[in-house]
Protein backbone atom coordinates (compact mmCIF):
# COMPACT_ATOMS: atom_id res chain seq x y z
CA UNK A 1 0.00 0.00 0.00
CA UNK A 2 1.34 3.42 -0.89
CA UNK A 3 2.45 6.00 1.65
CA UNK A 4 0.06 8.80 2.55
CA UNK A 5 0.55 12.10 0.74
CA UNK A 6 -1.11 15.51 1.00
CA UNK A 7 -4.46 15.71 -0.76
CA UNK A 8 -4.84 17.92 -3.80
CA UNK A 9 -6.71 20.52 -1.72
CA UNK A 10 -3.90 20.75 0.81
CA UNK A 11 -1.27 20.88 -1.93
CA UNK A 12 -3.08 23.76 -3.62
CA UNK A 13 -3.24 25.65 -0.32
CA UNK A 14 0.47 25.02 0.16
CA UNK A 15 1.20 26.57 -3.21
CA UNK A 16 0.21 29.98 -1.85
CA UNK A 17 3.61 30.12 -0.12
CA UNK A 18 2.51 31.42 3.26
CA UNK A 19 -1.11 30.41 3.72
CA UNK A 20 -0.30 27.31 5.71
CA UNK A 21 3.08 28.00 7.34
CA UNK A 22 4.96 30.86 8.99
CA UNK A 23 7.93 31.76 6.76
CA UNK A 24 11.22 33.06 8.19
CA UNK A 25 10.95 36.53 6.66
CA UNK A 26 7.51 37.11 8.24
CA UNK A 27 8.45 36.21 11.82
CA UNK A 28 10.73 39.11 12.76
CA UNK A 29 10.38 40.23 16.42
CA UNK A 30 10.12 43.88 17.36
CA UNK A 31 13.25 45.48 18.78
CA UNK A 32 13.13 45.82 22.59
CA UNK A 33 12.72 49.32 23.99
CA UNK A 34 15.17 50.58 26.63
CA UNK A 35 14.05 50.38 30.27
CA UNK A 36 14.42 53.53 32.39
CA UNK A 37 17.24 53.10 34.90
CA UNK A 38 14.94 53.66 37.88
CA UNK A 39 12.75 50.69 36.84
CA UNK A 40 15.43 48.09 36.16
CA UNK A 41 16.06 44.93 38.16
CA UNK A 42 12.79 44.90 40.07
CA UNK A 43 13.37 48.37 41.48
CA UNK A 44 9.71 49.02 42.35
CA UNK A 45 9.31 45.80 44.31
CA UNK A 46 12.61 46.23 46.16
CA UNK A 47 11.85 49.88 46.94
CA UNK A 48 8.39 49.16 48.38
CA UNK A 49 9.70 45.99 50.08
CA UNK A 50 6.26 44.59 50.94
CA UNK A 51 6.56 41.42 53.02
CA UNK A 52 4.86 38.41 51.42
CA UNK A 53 1.97 36.83 53.31
CA UNK A 54 1.15 33.39 51.99
CA UNK A 55 -0.14 32.91 48.45
CA UNK A 56 0.19 35.87 46.07
CA UNK A 57 -2.29 36.04 43.20
CA UNK A 58 -0.99 38.18 40.30
CA UNK A 59 -2.79 41.36 39.27
CA UNK A 60 -4.94 41.34 42.40
CA UNK A 61 -4.86 45.11 43.12
CA UNK A 62 -2.20 44.84 45.83
CA UNK A 63 1.45 45.83 45.77
CA UNK A 64 3.68 43.03 44.52
CA UNK A 65 5.51 41.55 47.54
CA UNK A 66 9.26 41.09 47.76
CA UNK A 67 9.32 37.32 47.06
CA UNK A 68 12.38 35.22 46.30
CA UNK A 69 13.21 31.62 45.57
CA UNK A 70 13.91 29.19 47.12
CA UNK A 71 11.36 30.31 49.74
CA UNK A 72 8.80 31.22 47.07
CA UNK A 73 8.07 29.70 43.67
CA UNK A 74 5.40 30.43 41.08
CA UNK A 75 2.89 27.85 39.83
CA UNK A 76 0.99 27.65 36.59
CA UNK A 77 -2.71 28.43 37.01
CA UNK A 78 -3.54 24.79 36.19
CA UNK A 79 -1.10 23.49 38.82
CA UNK A 80 -2.46 25.90 41.44
CA UNK A 81 -5.99 24.71 40.71
CA UNK A 82 -4.96 21.06 40.89
CA UNK A 83 -3.19 21.75 44.19
CA UNK A 84 -6.32 23.42 45.59
CA UNK A 85 -4.66 26.82 45.99
CA UNK A 86 -6.87 28.51 43.39
CA UNK A 87 -10.52 27.84 42.53
CA UNK A 88 -11.62 27.10 39.00
CA UNK A 89 -12.11 24.46 36.32
CA UNK A 90 -10.37 23.67 33.05
CA UNK A 91 -12.31 23.17 29.82
CA UNK A 92 -12.73 19.43 29.15
CA UNK A 93 -9.83 18.33 31.39
CA UNK A 94 -8.85 17.80 35.01
CA UNK A 95 -6.30 20.59 35.23
CA UNK A 96 -2.79 19.10 35.00
CA UNK A 97 -0.71 16.07 35.93
CA UNK A 98 2.52 18.08 36.22
CA UNK A 99 3.41 20.40 39.09
CA UNK A 100 5.36 23.16 37.34
CA UNK A 101 7.46 25.26 39.71
CA UNK A 102 8.96 28.49 38.36
CA UNK A 103 11.76 30.25 40.23
CA UNK A 104 10.93 33.84 41.08
CA UNK A 105 12.79 37.03 42.03
CA UNK A 106 11.94 40.75 41.94
CA UNK A 107 14.66 41.18 39.28
CA UNK A 108 12.93 38.55 37.15
CA UNK A 109 14.46 36.69 34.26
CA UNK A 110 17.44 38.59 32.89
CA UNK A 111 17.06 37.12 29.42
CA UNK A 112 14.96 38.79 26.75
CA UNK A 113 13.47 36.00 24.63
CA UNK A 114 11.22 37.54 22.00
CA UNK A 115 8.26 35.19 22.42
CA UNK A 116 8.21 35.09 26.23
CA UNK A 117 5.95 37.01 28.60
CA UNK A 118 8.63 36.85 31.31
CA UNK A 119 11.22 38.69 29.21
CA UNK A 120 13.42 41.44 30.65
CA UNK A 121 12.04 44.14 28.33
CA UNK A 122 8.75 44.09 30.30
CA UNK A 123 10.25 45.30 33.58
CA UNK A 124 9.04 48.89 33.04
CA UNK A 125 5.56 47.64 32.20
CA UNK A 126 4.92 44.96 34.82
CA UNK A 127 6.51 43.50 37.95
CA UNK A 128 7.92 40.03 37.42
CA UNK A 129 5.42 38.09 39.55
CA UNK A 130 2.56 39.74 37.64
CA UNK A 131 3.70 38.80 34.15
CA UNK A 132 1.80 36.25 32.10
CA UNK A 133 3.65 33.17 30.86
CA UNK A 134 2.33 30.70 28.26
CA UNK A 135 -0.96 32.60 28.29
CA UNK A 136 -1.78 32.46 32.03
CA UNK A 137 -0.95 34.04 35.37
CA UNK A 138 1.42 32.24 37.74
CA UNK A 139 0.52 32.68 41.43
CA UNK A 140 3.45 32.74 43.86
CA UNK A 141 3.31 30.25 46.75
CA UNK A 142 5.63 29.42 49.65
CA UNK A 143 7.62 26.32 48.71
CA UNK A 144 7.01 24.91 52.18
CA UNK A 145 3.23 25.11 51.63
CA UNK A 146 3.44 23.24 48.33
CA UNK A 147 5.54 20.48 49.84
CA UNK A 148 3.23 20.19 52.84
CA UNK A 149 0.20 19.59 50.60
CA UNK A 150 1.87 17.07 48.28
CA UNK A 151 3.67 15.21 51.07
CA UNK A 152 0.35 14.22 52.68
CA UNK A 153 -0.13 11.47 50.08
CA UNK A 154 2.40 11.53 47.24
CA UNK A 155 1.51 8.03 46.00
CA UNK A 156 -2.08 9.08 45.27
CA UNK A 157 -1.24 12.62 44.19
CA UNK A 158 -2.86 13.85 40.96
CA UNK A 159 0.64 14.90 39.91
CA UNK A 160 2.64 12.38 37.92
CA UNK A 161 5.70 14.60 37.88
CA UNK A 162 7.19 17.80 39.31
CA UNK A 163 9.24 20.16 37.16
CA UNK A 164 11.54 22.96 38.35
CA UNK A 165 11.75 25.68 35.71
CA UNK A 166 14.91 27.75 35.99
CA UNK A 167 15.26 31.32 34.75
CA UNK A 168 18.24 33.46 33.85
CA UNK A 169 19.23 34.96 37.20
CA UNK A 170 22.44 34.89 39.27
CA UNK A 171 20.73 32.81 42.00
CA UNK A 172 18.95 30.36 39.70
CA UNK A 173 21.48 27.50 39.81
CA UNK A 174 21.90 27.40 43.59
CA UNK A 175 18.21 27.96 44.30
CA UNK A 176 17.19 25.12 41.98
CA UNK A 177 19.34 22.87 44.14
CA UNK A 178 17.66 24.21 47.28
CA UNK A 179 14.16 23.65 45.87
CA UNK A 180 15.09 20.12 44.79
CA UNK A 181 16.60 19.29 48.20
CA UNK A 182 13.54 20.61 50.03
CA UNK A 183 11.28 18.49 47.81
CA UNK A 184 13.21 15.23 48.06
CA UNK A 185 13.57 15.53 51.86
CA UNK A 186 9.81 15.03 52.12
CA UNK A 187 8.74 13.40 48.85
CA UNK A 188 10.34 10.29 47.37
CA UNK A 189 11.24 10.87 43.70
CA UNK A 190 10.05 7.33 42.96
CA UNK A 191 6.53 8.48 43.90
CA UNK A 192 6.67 11.75 41.94
CA UNK A 193 9.68 12.00 39.59
CA UNK A 194 11.37 15.38 39.12
CA UNK A 195 12.26 17.08 35.85
CA UNK A 196 14.58 20.06 35.42
CA UNK A 197 13.84 22.68 32.78
CA UNK A 198 17.32 24.17 32.74
CA UNK A 199 18.95 27.52 32.11
CA UNK A 200 22.09 26.46 30.21
CA UNK A 201 23.47 30.01 29.98
CA UNK A 202 24.60 29.98 33.62
CA UNK A 203 25.28 26.24 34.03
CA UNK A 204 28.30 23.95 34.01
CA UNK A 205 28.66 20.19 33.80
CA UNK A 206 29.06 20.10 37.58
CA UNK A 207 25.62 21.70 37.95
CA UNK A 208 24.09 18.97 35.77
CA UNK A 209 25.80 16.26 37.83
CA UNK A 210 24.66 17.83 41.10
CA UNK A 211 21.01 17.84 40.02
CA UNK A 212 21.20 14.20 38.97
CA UNK A 213 22.82 13.22 42.27
CA UNK A 214 20.06 15.00 44.19
CA UNK A 215 17.35 12.92 42.56
CA UNK A 216 16.31 14.68 39.35
CA UNK A 217 14.97 12.17 36.83
CA UNK A 218 14.92 14.06 33.51
CA UNK A 219 16.89 17.10 32.34
CA UNK A 220 15.59 19.27 29.50
CA UNK A 221 16.94 22.24 27.57
CA UNK A 222 14.56 24.77 26.05
CA UNK A 223 16.21 25.24 22.67
CA UNK A 224 12.82 26.55 21.50
CA UNK A 225 14.26 27.74 18.19
CA UNK A 226 14.83 24.99 15.61
CA UNK A 227 17.84 26.63 13.93
CA UNK A 228 20.83 28.73 15.06
CA UNK A 229 19.58 31.70 13.02
CA UNK A 230 16.15 31.73 14.67
CA UNK A 231 17.73 31.14 18.08
CA UNK A 232 19.97 34.18 17.66
CA UNK A 233 17.12 36.33 16.34
CA UNK A 234 14.68 35.45 19.14
CA UNK A 235 16.90 34.49 22.11
CA UNK A 236 20.36 35.95 21.50
CA UNK A 237 21.95 39.19 20.36
CA UNK A 238 19.04 39.91 18.01
CA UNK A 239 16.96 40.90 21.06
CA UNK A 240 19.79 41.93 23.43
CA UNK A 241 19.62 38.60 25.25
CA UNK A 242 22.55 36.54 26.61
CA UNK A 243 21.71 33.08 25.28
CA UNK A 244 23.89 31.24 22.74
CA UNK A 245 23.01 28.21 20.62
CA UNK A 246 26.44 26.67 21.25
CA UNK A 247 26.09 26.94 25.04
CA UNK A 248 22.66 25.30 24.98
CA UNK A 249 24.04 22.38 22.99
CA UNK A 250 27.04 22.10 25.33
CA UNK A 251 24.73 21.62 28.34
CA UNK A 252 22.44 19.30 26.37
CA UNK A 253 25.42 17.06 25.63
CA UNK A 254 26.39 17.07 29.31
CA UNK A 255 22.81 16.03 30.12
CA UNK A 256 23.09 13.16 27.65
CA UNK A 257 26.25 11.92 29.36
CA UNK A 258 25.01 12.42 32.93
CA UNK A 259 21.32 11.50 32.78
CA UNK A 260 21.55 8.86 30.04
CA UNK A 261 19.26 7.71 27.20
CA UNK A 262 15.63 8.88 27.27
CA UNK A 263 16.36 11.00 30.33
CA UNK A 264 17.24 14.22 28.49
CA UNK A 265 15.57 16.27 25.82
CA UNK A 266 14.83 19.64 24.26
CA UNK A 267 11.84 21.92 23.85
CA UNK A 268 11.08 23.13 20.33
CA UNK A 269 8.58 25.81 19.29
CA UNK A 270 7.04 25.27 15.84
CA UNK A 271 6.12 28.21 13.65
CA UNK A 272 8.80 30.84 14.37
CA UNK A 273 10.16 30.84 10.83
CA UNK A 274 11.78 27.43 10.48
CA UNK A 275 10.77 24.97 7.78
CA UNK A 276 9.04 21.73 8.67
CA UNK A 277 12.15 19.91 7.49
CA UNK A 278 14.29 22.05 9.83
CA UNK A 279 12.31 21.12 12.91
CA UNK A 280 11.93 17.44 12.02
CA UNK A 281 15.65 17.13 11.26
CA UNK A 282 16.24 18.47 14.79
CA UNK A 283 13.78 15.92 16.22
CA UNK A 284 15.69 13.19 14.39
CA UNK A 285 19.01 14.45 15.71
CA UNK A 286 17.70 14.30 19.28
CA UNK A 287 16.42 10.75 18.76
CA UNK A 288 19.77 9.69 17.32
CA UNK A 289 21.48 11.13 20.39
CA UNK A 290 19.19 9.09 22.63
CA UNK A 291 16.98 11.98 23.71
CA UNK A 292 13.45 13.20 23.14
CA UNK A 293 11.66 16.33 21.93
CA UNK A 294 8.90 18.34 23.57
CA UNK A 295 7.00 20.39 21.05
CA UNK A 296 5.10 23.66 21.40
CA UNK A 297 2.94 25.51 18.89
CA UNK A 298 3.89 29.19 18.59
CA UNK A 299 1.18 31.43 19.98
CA UNK A 300 1.78 35.20 20.26
CA UNK A 301 2.19 35.90 23.98
CA UNK A 302 0.60 39.16 25.06
CA UNK A 303 3.30 41.70 25.92
CA UNK A 304 6.08 39.83 24.14
CA UNK A 305 8.19 41.12 21.24
CA UNK A 306 6.35 38.71 18.94
CA UNK A 307 2.78 39.42 20.04
CA UNK A 308 2.03 41.06 16.68
CA UNK A 309 2.89 37.93 14.68
CA UNK A 310 0.57 35.12 13.54
CA UNK A 311 0.11 31.92 15.52
CA UNK A 312 1.28 28.74 13.82
CA UNK A 313 -1.30 27.69 11.21
CA UNK A 314 -3.03 24.50 12.30
CA UNK A 315 -2.17 22.59 9.15
CA UNK A 316 1.55 23.31 9.62
CA UNK A 317 1.29 22.36 13.28
CA UNK A 318 -0.60 19.10 12.63
CA UNK A 319 1.86 17.97 9.97
CA UNK A 320 4.80 18.54 12.31
CA UNK A 321 2.99 17.02 15.32
CA UNK A 322 2.26 13.83 13.41
CA UNK A 323 5.71 13.57 11.83
CA UNK A 324 7.42 14.20 15.18
CA UNK A 325 5.39 11.40 16.78
CA UNK A 326 6.36 9.00 13.99
CA UNK A 327 10.06 9.78 14.49
CA UNK A 328 9.94 9.61 18.29
CA UNK A 329 7.68 6.59 18.74
CA UNK A 330 7.00 4.73 15.48
CA UNK A 331 10.52 4.15 14.15
CA UNK A 332 10.10 6.35 11.07
CA UNK A 333 13.14 8.40 10.11
CA UNK A 334 13.07 11.88 8.64
CA UNK A 335 14.93 10.65 5.57
CA UNK A 336 12.01 8.30 4.83
CA UNK A 337 9.67 11.29 4.59
CA UNK A 338 9.37 13.61 1.62
CA UNK A 339 9.21 17.40 1.64
CA UNK A 340 8.23 19.99 -0.96
CA UNK A 341 10.40 22.85 -2.24
CA UNK A 342 9.75 24.98 0.87
CA UNK A 343 10.24 22.17 3.35
CA UNK A 344 6.64 21.08 4.03
CA UNK A 345 5.90 17.42 4.72
CA UNK A 346 4.20 15.83 1.70
CA UNK A 347 4.80 12.16 2.52
CA UNK A 348 5.11 10.67 6.02
CA UNK A 349 7.01 7.57 4.93
CA UNK A 350 4.41 5.17 6.33
CA UNK A 351 1.73 2.95 4.84
CA UNK A 352 -1.74 4.49 4.85
CA UNK A 353 -3.26 1.79 7.07
CA UNK A 354 -0.56 2.23 9.73
CA UNK A 355 -0.84 5.99 9.63
CA UNK A 356 -4.63 5.83 9.92
CA UNK A 357 -4.24 3.73 13.06
CA UNK A 358 -1.85 6.24 14.67
CA UNK A 359 -4.07 9.20 13.79
CA UNK A 360 -7.13 7.43 15.18
CA UNK A 361 -5.34 6.73 18.46
CA UNK A 362 -4.96 10.51 18.96
CA UNK A 363 -1.82 10.43 21.15
CA UNK A 364 0.24 12.19 18.46
CA UNK A 365 -1.87 15.33 18.89
CA UNK A 366 -1.72 15.54 22.67
CA UNK A 367 0.73 17.78 24.50
CA UNK A 368 4.28 16.43 24.32
CA UNK A 369 6.61 16.51 27.31
CA UNK A 370 8.16 14.41 30.04
CA UNK A 371 6.31 11.11 30.49
CA UNK A 372 3.81 10.39 33.23
CA UNK A 373 2.69 7.12 34.82
CA UNK A 374 0.60 5.72 31.96
CA UNK A 375 2.92 5.30 28.94
CA UNK A 376 6.10 6.79 27.53
CA UNK A 377 4.34 8.67 24.72
CA UNK A 378 1.75 10.26 27.02
CA UNK A 379 3.10 13.36 28.72
CA UNK A 380 2.62 14.24 32.37
CA UNK A 381 3.22 17.86 31.40
CA UNK A 382 -0.06 18.50 29.62
CA UNK A 383 0.09 22.34 29.88
CA UNK A 384 -3.66 22.93 29.32
CA UNK A 385 -4.16 25.57 26.62
CA UNK A 386 -0.60 26.84 26.95
CA UNK A 387 -0.25 27.21 23.18
CA UNK A 388 -3.82 27.89 22.04
CA UNK A 389 -7.28 28.97 23.14
CA UNK A 390 -9.78 26.18 23.93
CA UNK A 391 -11.78 27.25 20.86
CA UNK A 392 -9.00 26.15 18.50
CA UNK A 393 -6.90 23.59 20.37
CA UNK A 394 -3.32 23.08 19.25
CA UNK A 395 -1.97 20.60 21.83
CA UNK A 396 -4.75 18.49 23.32
CA UNK A 397 -4.43 18.21 27.13
CA UNK A 398 -6.95 15.35 27.04
CA UNK A 399 -7.76 12.45 24.73
CA UNK A 400 -9.24 13.80 21.45
CA UNK A 401 -12.73 12.47 20.75
CA UNK A 402 -14.28 11.60 17.38
CA UNK A 403 -15.16 15.19 16.53
CA UNK A 404 -11.66 16.35 17.48
CA UNK A 405 -10.07 13.68 15.29
CA UNK A 406 -12.26 14.56 12.30
CA UNK A 407 -11.12 18.18 12.66
CA UNK A 408 -7.49 17.06 12.95
CA UNK A 409 -7.81 15.01 9.75
CA UNK A 410 -9.20 18.03 7.91
CA UNK A 411 -6.30 20.15 9.21
CA UNK A 412 -3.90 17.49 7.94
CA UNK A 413 -5.57 17.52 4.52
CA UNK A 414 -6.64 13.89 4.93
CA UNK A 415 -10.17 12.86 3.85
CA UNK A 416 -12.46 12.59 6.85
CA UNK A 417 -14.44 9.77 5.22
CA UNK A 418 -12.44 6.57 4.78
CA UNK A 419 -11.66 5.73 1.15
CA UNK A 420 -13.31 2.29 1.37
CA UNK A 421 -16.61 3.56 2.87
């Protein structure tokens, strides 16, 4: 049976050269504006020096307290709801299976990534603890309070995994160690494994070793950009930010050596100007190294230097989602696939019947990330609606139903009605 190819309709849409993918030349970030000296490095918060009192909810009409890790960390809204710290419900899902902990300081992240709501260029506009990140607010909570709640019954916790997210700050390396030590003193990593979302810019091999020795299970590097050119434009000197592609790869290689196969990986954002071949070649490289990829769909973050740019078209995203799954979990190699003249996938290198089965299972279109307790290809880090609104879901934080899968097939350019029906 022949391999599946794009339908004629999808091919015609692709011929418009831009209708169904975000080209490099269109995805230029704005230049960051200078911050007044008197507002740099968390000056307002440090000047007012308001003592924190328990949980801090962002944008709640009170002065931002002077909160610092390791005593305080921020939680995603979904994690705070799952933990019972915030009220609320998530559309069609039970919040999240991953407890994401974000280090926090009045000075904030000192990097200036163009797509990120936490970027340094926002310090004149908004205090760090009040900035949105992947589309939501992140309440700040005493680390001791979080541990106390989870330690009551870690075996039956709704969390399959905890993740410490580092930021670019002089204290980030040492405070990550302190947060990890505080966690593992009370909670056995075999009950709730720990991932590290690292900040390679300030790290050494010894830092990677130390985190492994203290009980971290998986180490990831947020490359985010699929090519050196896009990395530099969105994370490096192009936006007055300190990150370097070479340094990120240096720490990723240390993670490979220290953590071992399937225990290291990289985040990749799709739709920032790379071709589909670019991103899938990177996925293949990670697999060949023994690692894994966690994929995000670009969505313009309010307040970021890329908030004026288009979100990743769904057809581009679905093609890359499916192809990435085939490389990571179905043994297909990127060189078995075929691409058109602008790098779009036109043949997945798999028999139609096998591909239909994988599409129907739906796992390929769920959020990708560190694994949970169910299966290796089902992420604990489901990040509900982190890269899309619920009205047009990019990464499904729950199992897609029949209607979802019919929509996905249309986005892929695959007939919704089976050929033999």
